[in-house]
Amino acid sequence: MAMRNSVFFRATSLIAGSMGMLPLSLFRRAPDGTTSKATDHRLYQTLKLDPNGFQSPSEFKSYMQLAAVLDGNAFAQVVRLNGEVQALVPYDRGTVTKERRGATLRFKHTPKSGGTTYLDPQDVFHFRAPVSLDGLNGLGLLNVAADTIGLAHLADRAMSKLLRSGVMAGGALQAKEALSDDAYARLKADMREQYSGADNAGEWMVLEEGLEAKPFSGSARDTQFVELMKRQAEEGSRFTGVPPPPAHVRRDGLGQRHRAARPLLRRLLPLAVVRDLGRGRVAAAVGQRETRPQRHHALRQVQRARAAARLDEGSGRGDGTRAGLRRRASLGHAERSA
C-alpha cells in the first residue's frame, strides 16, 4: 500500500537510486602512507563488479538502501571462501532480526520456507537506518509514517470512488414551469451535440421556455479535500526527508526556494557521502579496517560539488562552464596533494 502512494514512491526511489549511483571501492594503504585501489583484492571485485551473481553493484546498493528506508534494516549474507569475501547476498525483508544476549550479538534468520538459524555477526552485513530506538535496529518509515500513508490511501480511495460513481455535473437548468416532452428531448439532444466535449468548451447556450442556468460552485468540503491531499503529500515529503520539488510536490513559491537552496544541497550531499563512506560499514562487516582513501575520494566529490555550486551562484570566473569549474577544482586538489 505504501509504494502505491506517488509521493512516497518517488521519494524512496530517489533515495535508493541516489545510493546506487554512489561509488564504493576498496583501497589499500602502503607503509609510506600512500593509498591506491586494491583492484587485486577479492572484496574489491565483489563491491565494484559482482556483489552476488544476480545483482549489479548499483542494484545491490539500491536494494539495501530501500530496505533500510522502509524497514529500518537491511541484511546480507557474507559468503566467504578460504577467508576471502566472495559475495554479499541480501536476505529477504523481514526474515532477519538482530538480538543481543549480554555482551554478544547474533542474528536470527527465519526464512519463508520455515526453520530458524542463528548467525554470527561476522557472517552478516547489517545496513541500518540512522535513527534507532534501541541502538541495535533502525527505525523504518513503514512504522513511523503508517498513519500518514494510511490517510493518504483513504483520500485516494475517496477520490477514486467520487470519480467512479459520484455526480460530476457542473450546473443545472432551472425552468419556472414544467417542460413538455418534446422540449425536454430537444434540450437533452442539444446539450449532448452542441455543448458537450472539449471542442465546445466556452460556447454560449441558447435557452428557451424560460430556462435559467444555475452553475454549481465548489463547496467548502471540496476545498478541504483538496487541501488534505496537498497536506498528505507534504507529510510524505517530511517523513522521507526529500524536499517537495524533487518529490514532485508543487506548492506556491517552493520551486523558487528550492532553486535558491540548490547550492546548499550540492554542498551537503557530498558531506553526507563523507560521513557514510568514512564509517566503513561494509569493511567492518567483513573484518576489514576503515580506510582513509574512502574519505579522500568523498572529499574530492565535495570539491566538485562546490565548483558546481559556484556555477549556480553565478560566481564562476574565466571558463564558466561546469566542466571548467570541475577541472579547476581537480587541478587545485592535485596542487595541494603535491
C-alpha atoms as a PDB file:
ATOM      1  CA  MET A   1       0.000   0.000   0.000  1.00  0.00           C
ATOM      2  CA  ALA A   2       2.808   2.421   0.846  1.00  0.00           C
ATOM      3  CA  MET A   3       4.511   2.128  -2.544  1.00  0.00           C
ATOM      4  CA  ARG A   4       1.220   2.929  -4.285  1.00  0.00           C
ATOM      5  CA  ASN A   5       1.423   6.441  -2.874  1.00  0.00           C
ATOM      6  CA  SER A   6       3.021   8.548  -5.595  1.00  0.00           C
ATOM      7  CA  VAL A   7       4.937  10.900  -3.275  1.00  0.00           C
ATOM      8  CA  PHE A   8       6.228   8.078  -1.071  1.00  0.00           C
ATOM      9  CA  PHE A   9       7.250   6.011  -4.101  1.00  0.00           C
ATOM     10  CA  ARG A  10       9.017   8.951  -5.726  1.00  0.00           C
ATOM     11  CA  ALA A  11      10.894   9.906  -2.547  1.00  0.00           C
ATOM     12  CA  THR A  12      12.016   6.385  -1.620  1.00  0.00           C
ATOM     13  CA  SER A  13      13.035   5.534  -5.183  1.00  0.00           C
ATOM     14  CA  LEU A  14      15.018   8.787  -5.335  1.00  0.00           C
ATOM     15  CA  ILE A  15      16.876   7.903  -2.133  1.00  0.00           C
ATOM     16  CA  ALA A  16      17.554   4.318  -3.218  1.00  0.00           C
ATOM     17  CA  GLY A  17      18.592   5.321  -6.725  1.00  0.00           C
ATOM     18  CA  SER A  18      20.940   8.002  -5.414  1.00  0.00           C
ATOM     19  CA  MET A  19      22.633   5.491  -3.131  1.00  0.00           C
ATOM     20  CA  GLY A  20      23.006   3.100  -6.043  1.00  0.00           C
ATOM     21  CA  MET A  21      24.880   5.744  -8.034  1.00  0.00           C
ATOM     22  CA  LEU A  22      27.421   6.479  -5.286  1.00  0.00           C
ATOM     23  CA  PRO A  23      30.840   4.832  -5.725  1.00  0.00           C
ATOM     24  CA  LEU A  24      32.021   2.187  -3.275  1.00  0.00           C
ATOM     25  CA  SER A  25      35.617   0.981  -3.655  1.00  0.00           C
ATOM     26  CA  LEU A  26      38.238  -0.750  -1.550  1.00  0.00           C
ATOM     27  CA  PHE A  27      41.597   0.971  -1.053  1.00  0.00           C
ATOM     28  CA  ARG A  28      44.959  -0.262   0.200  1.00  0.00           C
ATOM     29  CA  ARG A  29      47.282   1.889   2.313  1.00  0.00           C
ATOM     30  CA  ALA A  30      51.017   1.368   1.898  1.00  0.00           C
ATOM     31  CA  PRO A  31      53.508   1.676   4.785  1.00  0.00           C
ATOM     32  CA  ASP A  32      54.588   5.093   3.495  1.00  0.00           C
ATOM     33  CA  GLY A  33      51.019   6.386   3.803  1.00  0.00           C
ATOM     34  CA  THR A  34      50.129   6.412   0.117  1.00  0.00           C
ATOM     35  CA  THR A  35      46.905   4.806  -0.998  1.00  0.00           C
ATOM     36  CA  SER A  36      45.717   3.008  -4.100  1.00  0.00           C
ATOM     37  CA  LYS A  37      42.723   0.976  -5.186  1.00  0.00           C
ATOM     38  CA  ALA A  38      43.040  -2.652  -4.166  1.00  0.00           C
ATOM     39  CA  THR A  39      41.953  -3.967  -7.545  1.00  0.00           C
ATOM     40  CA  ASP A  40      43.585  -7.346  -6.902  1.00  0.00           C
ATOM     41  CA  HIS A  41      41.604  -7.897  -3.676  1.00  0.00           C
ATOM     42  CA  ARG A  42      38.592 -10.178  -3.890  1.00  0.00           C
ATOM     43  CA  LEU A  43      36.440  -7.763  -1.882  1.00  0.00           C
ATOM     44  CA  TYR A  44      37.120  -5.036  -4.450  1.00  0.00           C
ATOM     45  CA  GLN A  45      35.722  -7.281  -7.171  1.00  0.00           C
ATOM     46  CA  THR A  46      32.687  -8.030  -5.015  1.00  0.00           C
ATOM     47  CA  LEU A  47      31.878  -4.399  -4.278  1.00  0.00           C
ATOM     48  CA  LYS A  48      32.770  -2.959  -7.662  1.00  0.00           C
ATOM     49  CA  LEU A  49      31.812  -5.617 -10.197  1.00  0.00           C
ATOM     50  CA  ASP A  50      29.720  -8.527  -8.921  1.00  0.00           C
ATOM     51  CA  PRO A  51      28.175  -8.478  -5.420  1.00  0.00           C
ATOM     52  CA  ASN A  52      26.331 -11.782  -5.674  1.00  0.00           C
ATOM     53  CA  GLY A  53      25.888 -13.021  -9.231  1.00  0.00           C
ATOM     54  CA  PHE A  54      22.320 -11.803  -9.745  1.00  0.00           C
ATOM     55  CA  GLN A  55      22.600  -8.096  -8.899  1.00  0.00           C
ATOM     56  CA  SER A  56      24.786  -5.351 -10.273  1.00  0.00           C
ATOM     57  CA  PRO A  57      26.616  -3.151  -7.734  1.00  0.00           C
ATOM     58  CA  SER A  58      24.076  -0.377  -8.315  1.00  0.00           C
ATOM     59  CA  GLU A  59      21.138  -2.737  -7.839  1.00  0.00           C
ATOM     60  CA  PHE A  60      22.643  -4.176  -4.658  1.00  0.00           C
ATOM     61  CA  LYS A  61      23.224  -0.769  -3.079  1.00  0.00           C
ATOM     62  CA  SER A  62      19.784   0.477  -4.142  1.00  0.00           C
ATOM     63  CA  TYR A  63      18.043  -2.591  -2.715  1.00  0.00           C
ATOM     64  CA  MET A  64      19.870  -2.369   0.615  1.00  0.00           C
ATOM     65  CA  GLN A  65      19.093   1.344   0.877  1.00  0.00           C
ATOM     66  CA  LEU A  66      15.417   0.834   0.026  1.00  0.00           C
ATOM     67  CA  ALA A  67      15.058  -1.950   2.604  1.00  0.00           C
ATOM     68  CA  ALA A  68      16.728   0.262   5.220  1.00  0.00           C
ATOM     69  CA  VAL A  69      14.370   3.143   4.399  1.00  0.00           C
ATOM     70  CA  LEU A  70      11.222   1.013   4.512  1.00  0.00           C
ATOM     71  CA  ASP A  71      12.025  -1.399   7.353  1.00  0.00           C
ATOM     72  CA  GLY A  72      14.878   0.354   9.123  1.00  0.00           C
ATOM     73  CA  ASN A  73      17.252  -2.555   8.474  1.00  0.00           C
ATOM     74  CA  ALA A  74      18.785  -4.381   5.526  1.00  0.00           C
ATOM     75  CA  PHE A  75      20.748  -7.601   5.896  1.00  0.00           C
ATOM     76  CA  ALA A  76      23.048  -9.503   3.550  1.00  0.00           C
ATOM     77  CA  GLN A  77      24.875 -12.792   3.980  1.00  0.00           C
ATOM     78  CA  VAL A  78      28.666 -12.570   3.790  1.00  0.00           C
ATOM     79  CA  VAL A  79      29.814 -15.553   1.720  1.00  0.00           C
ATOM     80  CA  ARG A  80      33.479 -16.493   2.234  1.00  0.00           C
ATOM     81  CA  LEU A  81      35.841 -18.961   0.620  1.00  0.00           C
ATOM     82  CA  ASN A  82      39.233 -19.562   2.238  1.00  0.00           C
ATOM     83  CA  GLY A  83      38.689 -16.467   4.348  1.00  0.00           C
ATOM     84  CA  GLU A  84      38.010 -14.142   1.399  1.00  0.00           C
ATOM     85  CA  VAL A  85      34.655 -12.491   0.767  1.00  0.00           C
ATOM     86  CA  GLN A  86      33.132 -13.925  -2.384  1.00  0.00           C
ATOM     87  CA  ALA A  87      29.630 -12.456  -2.332  1.00  0.00           C
ATOM     88  CA  LEU A  88      27.102 -10.357  -0.411  1.00  0.00           C
ATOM     89  CA  VAL A  89      23.678 -11.994  -0.762  1.00  0.00           C
ATOM     90  CA  PRO A  90      20.713  -9.944   0.528  1.00  0.00           C
ATOM     91  CA  TYR A  91      18.263 -11.680   2.835  1.00  0.00           C
ATOM     92  CA  ASP A  92      14.544 -11.369   2.208  1.00  0.00           C
ATOM     93  CA  ARG A  93      12.954  -8.470   4.034  1.00  0.00           C
ATOM     94  CA  GLY A  94      11.563  -9.372   7.428  1.00  0.00           C
ATOM     95  CA  THR A  95      13.432 -12.671   7.758  1.00  0.00           C
ATOM     96  CA  VAL A  96      16.377 -11.470   9.886  1.00  0.00           C
ATOM     97  CA  THR A  97      16.318  -9.918  13.350  1.00  0.00           C
ATOM     98  CA  LYS A  98      19.217  -8.695  15.454  1.00  0.00           C
ATOM     99  CA  GLU A  99      19.434  -9.905  19.047  1.00  0.00           C
ATOM    100  CA  ARG A 100      21.688  -9.083  21.963  1.00  0.00           C
ATOM    101  CA  ARG A 101      22.490 -11.547  24.722  1.00  0.00           C
ATOM    102  CA  GLY A 102      24.584  -9.795  27.302  1.00  0.00           C
ATOM    103  CA  ALA A 103      27.697  -8.534  25.545  1.00  0.00           C
ATOM    104  CA  THR A 104      27.274 -10.746  22.480  1.00  0.00           C
ATOM    105  CA  LEU A 105      25.275 -10.126  19.313  1.00  0.00           C
ATOM    106  CA  ARG A 106      23.691 -12.606  16.968  1.00  0.00           C
ATOM    107  CA  PHE A 107      21.279 -12.601  14.061  1.00  0.00           C
ATOM    108  CA  LYS A 108      18.186 -14.771  13.887  1.00  0.00           C
ATOM    109  CA  HIS A 109      17.270 -15.869  10.365  1.00  0.00           C
ATOM    110  CA  THR A 110      13.784 -17.259   9.768  1.00  0.00           C
ATOM    111  CA  PRO A 111      13.306 -17.927   6.038  1.00  0.00           C
ATOM    112  CA  LYS A 112       9.879 -18.054   4.456  1.00  0.00           C
ATOM    113  CA  SER A 113      10.268 -21.799   3.947  1.00  0.00           C
ATOM    114  CA  GLY A 114      10.463 -22.298   7.714  1.00  0.00           C
ATOM    115  CA  GLY A 115      13.127 -23.108  10.261  1.00  0.00           C
ATOM    116  CA  THR A 116      15.413 -20.853  12.282  1.00  0.00           C
ATOM    117  CA  THR A 117      19.155 -20.286  12.003  1.00  0.00           C
ATOM    118  CA  TYR A 118      21.382 -18.174  14.245  1.00  0.00           C
ATOM    119  CA  LEU A 119      24.228 -16.319  12.536  1.00  0.00           C
ATOM    120  CA  ASP A 120      27.404 -14.753  13.895  1.00  0.00           C
ATOM    121  CA  PRO A 121      27.967 -11.001  13.361  1.00  0.00           C
ATOM    122  CA  GLN A 122      30.930 -11.581  11.034  1.00  0.00           C
ATOM    123  CA  ASP A 123      28.673 -13.534   8.668  1.00  0.00           C
ATOM    124  CA  VAL A 124      26.071 -10.773   8.259  1.00  0.00           C
ATOM    125  CA  PHE A 125      26.328  -7.309   6.713  1.00  0.00           C
ATOM    126  CA  HIS A 126      23.820  -5.102   8.556  1.00  0.00           C
ATOM    127  CA  PHE A 127      22.928  -1.806   6.865  1.00  0.00           C
ATOM    128  CA  ARG A 128      20.827   0.199   9.309  1.00  0.00           C
ATOM    129  CA  ALA A 129      18.740   3.349   9.129  1.00  0.00           C
ATOM    130  CA  PRO A 130      20.348   6.239  11.054  1.00  0.00           C
ATOM    131  CA  VAL A 131      17.502   6.530  13.593  1.00  0.00           C
ATOM    132  CA  SER A 132      17.271   3.781  16.225  1.00  0.00           C
ATOM    133  CA  LEU A 133      15.267   3.421  19.433  1.00  0.00           C
ATOM    134  CA  ASP A 134      17.325   0.594  20.952  1.00  0.00           C
ATOM    135  CA  GLY A 135      20.743   1.112  19.409  1.00  0.00           C
ATOM    136  CA  LEU A 136      20.503  -2.175  17.523  1.00  0.00           C
ATOM    137  CA  ASN A 137      17.750  -1.898  14.948  1.00  0.00           C
ATOM    138  CA  GLY A 138      16.886   1.011  12.705  1.00  0.00           C
ATOM    139  CA  LEU A 139      13.513   2.717  12.572  1.00  0.00           C
ATOM    140  CA  GLY A 140      11.767   2.315   9.229  1.00  0.00           C
ATOM    141  CA  LEU A 141       9.325   4.643   7.518  1.00  0.00           C
ATOM    142  CA  LEU A 142       6.667   1.936   7.261  1.00  0.00           C
ATOM    143  CA  ASN A 143       6.482   2.132  11.040  1.00  0.00           C
ATOM    144  CA  VAL A 144       6.721   5.845  11.782  1.00  0.00           C
ATOM    145  CA  ALA A 145       4.740   7.035   8.738  1.00  0.00           C
ATOM    146  CA  ALA A 146       1.995   4.401   8.903  1.00  0.00           C
ATOM    147  CA  ASP A 147      -0.772   6.881   9.794  1.00  0.00           C
ATOM    148  CA  THR A 148       0.232   9.347   7.090  1.00  0.00           C
ATOM    149  CA  ILE A 149       0.424   6.630   4.445  1.00  0.00           C
ATOM    150  CA  GLY A 150      -2.907   5.181   5.568  1.00  0.00           C
ATOM    151  CA  LEU A 151      -4.652   8.553   5.477  1.00  0.00           C
ATOM    152  CA  ALA A 152      -3.282   9.285   2.014  1.00  0.00           C
ATOM    153  CA  HIS A 153      -4.539   5.876   0.863  1.00  0.00           C
ATOM    154  CA  LEU A 154      -8.019   6.614   2.215  1.00  0.00           C
ATOM    155  CA  ALA A 155      -8.023  10.001   0.475  1.00  0.00           C
ATOM    156  CA  ASP A 156      -7.076   8.347  -2.824  1.00  0.00           C
ATOM    157  CA  ARG A 157      -9.852   5.794  -2.386  1.00  0.00           C
ATOM    158  CA  ALA A 158     -12.376   8.541  -1.673  1.00  0.00           C
ATOM    159  CA  MET A 159     -11.325  10.456  -4.787  1.00  0.00           C
ATOM    160  CA  SER A 160     -11.472   7.283  -6.887  1.00  0.00           C
ATOM    161  CA  LYS A 161     -14.959   6.493  -5.622  1.00  0.00           C
ATOM    162  CA  LEU A 162     -16.116  10.041  -6.344  1.00  0.00           C
ATOM    163  CA  LEU A 163     -14.820   9.915  -9.912  1.00  0.00           C
ATOM    164  CA  ARG A 164     -16.267   6.456 -10.480  1.00  0.00           C
ATOM    165  CA  SER A 165     -19.779   6.880  -9.082  1.00  0.00           C
ATOM    166  CA  GLY A 166     -20.148  10.475  -7.927  1.00  0.00           C
ATOM    167  CA  VAL A 167     -22.206  13.224  -9.572  1.00  0.00           C
ATOM    168  CA  MET A 168     -19.850  15.482 -11.546  1.00  0.00           C
ATOM    169  CA  ALA A 169     -22.419  17.858 -13.102  1.00  0.00           C
ATOM    170  CA  GLY A 170     -21.241  21.436 -13.476  1.00  0.00           C
ATOM    171  CA  GLY A 171     -24.646  23.029 -13.059  1.00  0.00           C
ATOM    172  CA  ALA A 172     -28.400  22.772 -13.603  1.00  0.00           C
ATOM    173  CA  LEU A 173     -31.019  24.282 -15.916  1.00  0.00           C
ATOM    174  CA  GLN A 174     -33.975  25.588 -13.955  1.00  0.00           C
ATOM    175  CA  ALA A 175     -37.417  26.155 -15.527  1.00  0.00           C
ATOM    176  CA  LYS A 176     -40.269  28.095 -13.967  1.00  0.00           C
ATOM    177  CA  GLU A 177     -42.779  25.672 -15.444  1.00  0.00           C
ATOM    178  CA  ALA A 178     -42.621  22.016 -16.374  1.00  0.00           C
ATOM    179  CA  LEU A 179     -41.134  21.307 -19.806  1.00  0.00           C
ATOM    180  CA  SER A 180     -43.042  19.367 -22.397  1.00  0.00           C
ATOM    181  CA  ASP A 181     -41.704  16.028 -23.542  1.00  0.00           C
ATOM    182  CA  ASP A 182     -40.657  17.458 -26.912  1.00  0.00           C
ATOM    183  CA  ALA A 183     -38.881  20.417 -25.308  1.00  0.00           C
ATOM    184  CA  TYR A 184     -37.086  18.151 -22.847  1.00  0.00           C
ATOM    185  CA  ALA A 185     -35.935  15.750 -25.580  1.00  0.00           C
ATOM    186  CA  ARG A 186     -34.764  18.630 -27.801  1.00  0.00           C
ATOM    187  CA  LEU A 187     -32.892  20.245 -24.905  1.00  0.00           C
ATOM    188  CA  LYS A 188     -31.193  16.979 -23.992  1.00  0.00           C
ATOM    189  CA  ALA A 189     -30.093  16.384 -27.589  1.00  0.00           C
ATOM    190  CA  ASP A 190     -28.756  19.939 -27.934  1.00  0.00           C
ATOM    191  CA  MET A 191     -26.765  19.621 -24.708  1.00  0.00           C
ATOM    192  CA  ARG A 192     -25.026  16.493 -25.993  1.00  0.00           C
ATOM    193  CA  GLU A 193     -24.431  17.643 -29.568  1.00  0.00           C
ATOM    194  CA  GLN A 194     -23.666  21.359 -29.245  1.00  0.00           C
ATOM    195  CA  TYR A 195     -22.283  21.900 -25.752  1.00  0.00           C
ATOM    196  CA  SER A 196     -20.535  18.659 -24.729  1.00  0.00           C
ATOM    197  CA  GLY A 197     -16.877  17.813 -25.322  1.00  0.00           C
ATOM    198  CA  ALA A 198     -13.633  19.759 -25.423  1.00  0.00           C
ATOM    199  CA  ASP A 199     -14.364  21.297 -28.854  1.00  0.00           C
ATOM    200  CA  ASN A 200     -17.424  23.103 -27.480  1.00  0.00           C
ATOM    201  CA  ALA A 201     -15.791  24.433 -24.332  1.00  0.00           C
ATOM    202  CA  GLY A 202     -16.763  28.059 -23.659  1.00  0.00           C
ATOM    203  CA  GLU A 203     -19.731  28.090 -26.062  1.00  0.00           C
ATOM    204  CA  TRP A 204     -22.772  30.182 -25.090  1.00  0.00           C
ATOM    205  CA  MET A 205     -26.025  28.337 -24.588  1.00  0.00           C
ATOM    206  CA  VAL A 206     -29.311  29.406 -26.159  1.00  0.00           C
ATOM    207  CA  LEU A 207     -32.073  28.709 -23.649  1.00  0.00           C
ATOM    208  CA  GLU A 208     -35.812  28.692 -24.299  1.00  0.00           C
ATOM    209  CA  GLU A 209     -39.090  28.420 -22.418  1.00  0.00           C
ATOM    210  CA  GLY A 210     -37.772  30.481 -19.504  1.00  0.00           C
ATOM    211  CA  LEU A 211     -34.811  28.224 -18.676  1.00  0.00           C
ATOM    212  CA  GLU A 212     -32.157  29.670 -16.375  1.00  0.00           C
ATOM    213  CA  ALA A 213     -28.630  28.289 -15.917  1.00  0.00           C
ATOM    214  CA  LYS A 214     -27.527  27.650 -12.330  1.00  0.00           C
ATOM    215  CA  PRO A 215     -23.822  26.681 -12.193  1.00  0.00           C
ATOM    216  CA  PHE A 216     -22.618  24.641  -9.239  1.00  0.00           C
ATOM    217  CA  SER A 217     -19.840  26.202  -7.203  1.00  0.00           C
ATOM    218  CA  GLY A 218     -17.249  24.267  -5.236  1.00  0.00           C
ATOM    219  CA  SER A 219     -18.214  23.635  -1.643  1.00  0.00           C
ATOM    220  CA  ALA A 220     -16.046  24.183   1.411  1.00  0.00           C
ATOM    221  CA  ARG A 221     -15.845  20.416   1.778  1.00  0.00           C
ATOM    222  CA  ASP A 222     -14.319  20.097  -1.702  1.00  0.00           C
ATOM    223  CA  THR A 223     -11.748  22.752  -0.845  1.00  0.00           C
ATOM    224  CA  GLN A 224     -10.872  20.968   2.383  1.00  0.00           C
ATOM    225  CA  PHE A 225     -10.461  17.703   0.492  1.00  0.00           C
ATOM    226  CA  VAL A 226      -8.015  19.291  -1.945  1.00  0.00           C
ATOM    227  CA  GLU A 227      -6.040  20.813   0.930  1.00  0.00           C
ATOM    228  CA  LEU A 228      -5.964  17.417   2.639  1.00  0.00           C
ATOM    229  CA  MET A 229      -4.428  15.853  -0.463  1.00  0.00           C
ATOM    230  CA  LYS A 230      -1.757  18.574  -0.555  1.00  0.00           C
ATOM    231  CA  ARG A 231      -1.048  18.203   3.154  1.00  0.00           C
ATOM    232  CA  GLN A 232      -0.589  14.439   2.867  1.00  0.00           C
ATOM    233  CA  ALA A 233       1.850  14.962   0.015  1.00  0.00           C
ATOM    234  CA  GLU A 234       3.876  17.355   2.171  1.00  0.00           C
ATOM    235  CA  GLU A 235       3.764  14.914   5.094  1.00  0.00           C
ATOM    236  CA  GLY A 236       5.235  12.203   2.897  1.00  0.00           C
ATOM    237  CA  SER A 237       7.990  14.594   1.873  1.00  0.00           C
ATOM    238  CA  ARG A 238       8.775  15.398   5.519  1.00  0.00           C
ATOM    239  CA  PHE A 239       8.994  11.765   6.597  1.00  0.00           C
ATOM    240  CA  THR A 240      11.328  10.789   3.778  1.00  0.00           C
ATOM    241  CA  GLY A 241      13.465  13.919   4.068  1.00  0.00           C
ATOM    242  CA  VAL A 242      13.195  14.597   0.333  1.00  0.00           C
ATOM    243  CA  PRO A 243      12.321  18.265  -0.403  1.00  0.00           C
ATOM    244  CA  PRO A 244       8.948  18.808  -2.122  1.00  0.00           C
ATOM    245  CA  PRO A 245      10.302  19.831  -5.570  1.00  0.00           C
ATOM    246  CA  PRO A 246      12.386  16.660  -6.125  1.00  0.00           C
ATOM    247  CA  ALA A 247       9.401  14.635  -4.870  1.00  0.00           C
ATOM    248  CA  HIS A 248       7.239  16.431  -7.489  1.00  0.00           C
ATOM    249  CA  VAL A 249       5.135  18.140  -4.807  1.00  0.00           C
ATOM    250  CA  ARG A 250       4.172  21.573  -6.125  1.00  0.00           C
ATOM    251  CA  ARG A 251       3.257  24.445  -3.829  1.00  0.00           C
ATOM    252  CA  ASP A 252       3.395  28.191  -4.433  1.00  0.00           C
ATOM    253  CA  GLY A 253       6.911  29.539  -4.007  1.00  0.00           C
ATOM    254  CA  LEU A 254       8.536  26.185  -3.269  1.00  0.00           C
ATOM    255  CA  GLY A 255      10.198  25.919  -6.663  1.00  0.00           C
ATOM    256  CA  GLN A 256      11.900  29.291  -6.295  1.00  0.00           C
ATOM    257  CA  ARG A 257      13.079  28.483  -2.772  1.00  0.00           C
ATOM    258  CA  HIS A 258      14.385  25.117  -3.942  1.00  0.00           C
ATOM    259  CA  ARG A 259      16.438  26.772  -6.681  1.00  0.00           C
ATOM    260  CA  ALA A 260      17.832  29.198  -4.123  1.00  0.00           C
ATOM    261  CA  ALA A 261      18.779  26.298  -1.821  1.00  0.00           C
ATOM    262  CA  ARG A 262      20.325  24.198  -4.588  1.00  0.00           C
ATOM    263  CA  PRO A 263      23.915  25.381  -3.921  1.00  0.00           C
ATOM    264  CA  LEU A 264      23.497  24.399  -0.263  1.00  0.00           C
ATOM    265  CA  LEU A 265      22.160  20.973  -1.235  1.00  0.00           C
ATOM    266  CA  ARG A 266      25.133  20.472  -3.545  1.00  0.00           C
ATOM    267  CA  ARG A 267      27.443  21.037  -0.590  1.00  0.00           C
ATOM    268  CA  LEU A 268      25.552  18.940   1.964  1.00  0.00           C
ATOM    269  CA  LEU A 269      25.108  15.816  -0.172  1.00  0.00           C
ATOM    270  CA  PRO A 270      28.857  15.150  -0.599  1.00  0.00           C
ATOM    271  CA  LEU A 271      29.346  15.799   3.118  1.00  0.00           C
ATOM    272  CA  ALA A 272      26.846  13.027   3.780  1.00  0.00           C
ATOM    273  CA  VAL A 273      28.903  10.825   1.473  1.00  0.00           C
ATOM    274  CA  VAL A 274      31.974  11.610   3.566  1.00  0.00           C
ATOM    275  CA  ARG A 275      30.093  10.602   6.698  1.00  0.00           C
ATOM    276  CA  ASP A 276      28.736   7.334   5.315  1.00  0.00           C
ATOM    277  CA  LEU A 277      31.863   6.177   3.495  1.00  0.00           C
ATOM    278  CA  GLY A 278      34.016   7.116   6.452  1.00  0.00           C
ATOM    279  CA  ARG A 279      32.154   4.685   8.661  1.00  0.00           C
ATOM    280  CA  GLY A 280      33.403   1.756   6.614  1.00  0.00           C
ATOM    281  CA  ARG A 281      30.223  -0.262   7.195  1.00  0.00           C
ATOM    282  CA  VAL A 282      30.990  -2.963   4.656  1.00  0.00           C
ATOM    283  CA  ALA A 283      34.623  -3.155   5.716  1.00  0.00           C
ATOM    284  CA  ALA A 284      33.615  -3.604   9.357  1.00  0.00           C
ATOM    285  CA  ALA A 285      31.161  -6.354   8.434  1.00  0.00           C
ATOM    286  CA  VAL A 286      33.828  -8.408   6.640  1.00  0.00           C
ATOM    287  CA  GLY A 287      36.585  -7.869   9.190  1.00  0.00           C
ATOM    288  CA  GLN A 288      38.480  -5.101   7.360  1.00  0.00           C
ATOM    289  CA  ARG A 289      39.643  -1.865   8.956  1.00  0.00           C
ATOM    290  CA  GLU A 290      38.334   1.514   7.890  1.00  0.00           C
ATOM    291  CA  THR A 291      40.457   3.054   5.119  1.00  0.00           C
ATOM    292  CA  ARG A 292      41.359   6.713   4.809  1.00  0.00           C
ATOM    293  CA  PRO A 293      41.225   6.759   0.970  1.00  0.00           C
ATOM    294  CA  GLN A 294      37.461   6.422   1.132  1.00  0.00           C
ATOM    295  CA  ARG A 295      37.310   9.781   2.868  1.00  0.00           C
ATOM    296  CA  HIS A 296      39.755  11.273   0.331  1.00  0.00           C
ATOM    297  CA  HIS A 297      37.554  10.116  -2.524  1.00  0.00           C
ATOM    298  CA  ALA A 298      34.489  11.667  -0.901  1.00  0.00           C
ATOM    299  CA  LEU A 299      36.384  14.910  -0.270  1.00  0.00           C
ATOM    300  CA  ARG A 300      37.111  15.115  -3.988  1.00  0.00           C
ATOM    301  CA  GLN A 301      33.374  14.861  -4.542  1.00  0.00           C
ATOM    302  CA  VAL A 302      32.904  17.776  -2.146  1.00  0.00           C
ATOM    303  CA  GLN A 303      35.304  19.876  -4.211  1.00  0.00           C
ATOM    304  CA  ARG A 304      33.493  19.077  -7.439  1.00  0.00           C
ATOM    305  CA  ALA A 305      30.119  19.851  -5.853  1.00  0.00           C
ATOM    306  CA  ARG A 306      31.365  23.190  -4.542  1.00  0.00           C
ATOM    307  CA  ALA A 307      32.573  24.079  -8.021  1.00  0.00           C
ATOM    308  CA  ALA A 308      29.128  23.256  -9.402  1.00  0.00           C
ATOM    309  CA  ALA A 309      27.571  25.354  -6.640  1.00  0.00           C
ATOM    310  CA  ARG A 310      29.695  28.351  -7.649  1.00  0.00           C
ATOM    311  CA  LEU A 311      28.368  27.912 -11.166  1.00  0.00           C
ATOM    312  CA  ASP A 312      24.780  28.036  -9.883  1.00  0.00           C
ATOM    313  CA  GLU A 313      25.551  31.135  -7.841  1.00  0.00           C
ATOM    314  CA  GLY A 314      26.921  32.890 -10.921  1.00  0.00           C
ATOM    315  CA  SER A 315      30.365  33.469  -9.454  1.00  0.00           C
ATOM    316  CA  GLY A 316      32.381  31.438 -11.964  1.00  0.00           C
ATOM    317  CA  ARG A 317      35.414  33.178 -13.493  1.00  0.00           C
ATOM    318  CA  GLY A 318      37.253  32.501 -16.742  1.00  0.00           C
ATOM    319  CA  ASP A 319      35.958  29.203 -18.105  1.00  0.00           C
ATOM    320  CA  GLY A 320      32.486  29.377 -16.581  1.00  0.00           C
ATOM    321  CA  THR A 321      31.282  26.015 -17.802  1.00  0.00           C
ATOM    322  CA  ARG A 322      30.587  23.238 -15.327  1.00  0.00           C
ATOM    323  CA  ALA A 323      33.421  21.180 -16.833  1.00  0.00           C
ATOM    324  CA  GLY A 324      35.813  24.111 -16.478  1.00  0.00           C
ATOM    325  CA  LEU A 325      34.980  24.619 -12.819  1.00  0.00           C
ATOM    326  CA  ARG A 326      35.383  20.940 -12.087  1.00  0.00           C
ATOM    327  CA  ARG A 327      38.703  20.931 -13.969  1.00  0.00           C
ATOM    328  CA  ARG A 328      39.996  23.829 -11.872  1.00  0.00           C
ATOM    329  CA  ALA A 329      38.842  22.076  -8.696  1.00  0.00           C
ATOM    330  CA  SER A 330      40.708  18.924  -9.734  1.00  0.00           C
ATOM    331  CA  LEU A 331      43.866  20.938 -10.512  1.00  0.00           C
ATOM    332  CA  GLY A 332      43.658  22.662  -7.155  1.00  0.00           C
ATOM    333  CA  HIS A 333      43.366  19.309  -5.422  1.00  0.00           C
ATOM    334  CA  ALA A 334      46.398  17.991  -7.347  1.00  0.00           C
ATOM    335  CA  GLU A 335      48.481  21.037  -6.338  1.00  0.00           C
ATOM    336  CA  ARG A 336      47.579  20.588  -2.667  1.00  0.00           C
ATOM    337  CA  SER A 337      48.417  16.890  -2.873  1.00  0.00           C
ATOM    338  CA  ALA A 338      51.801  17.732  -4.389  1.00  0.00           C
END
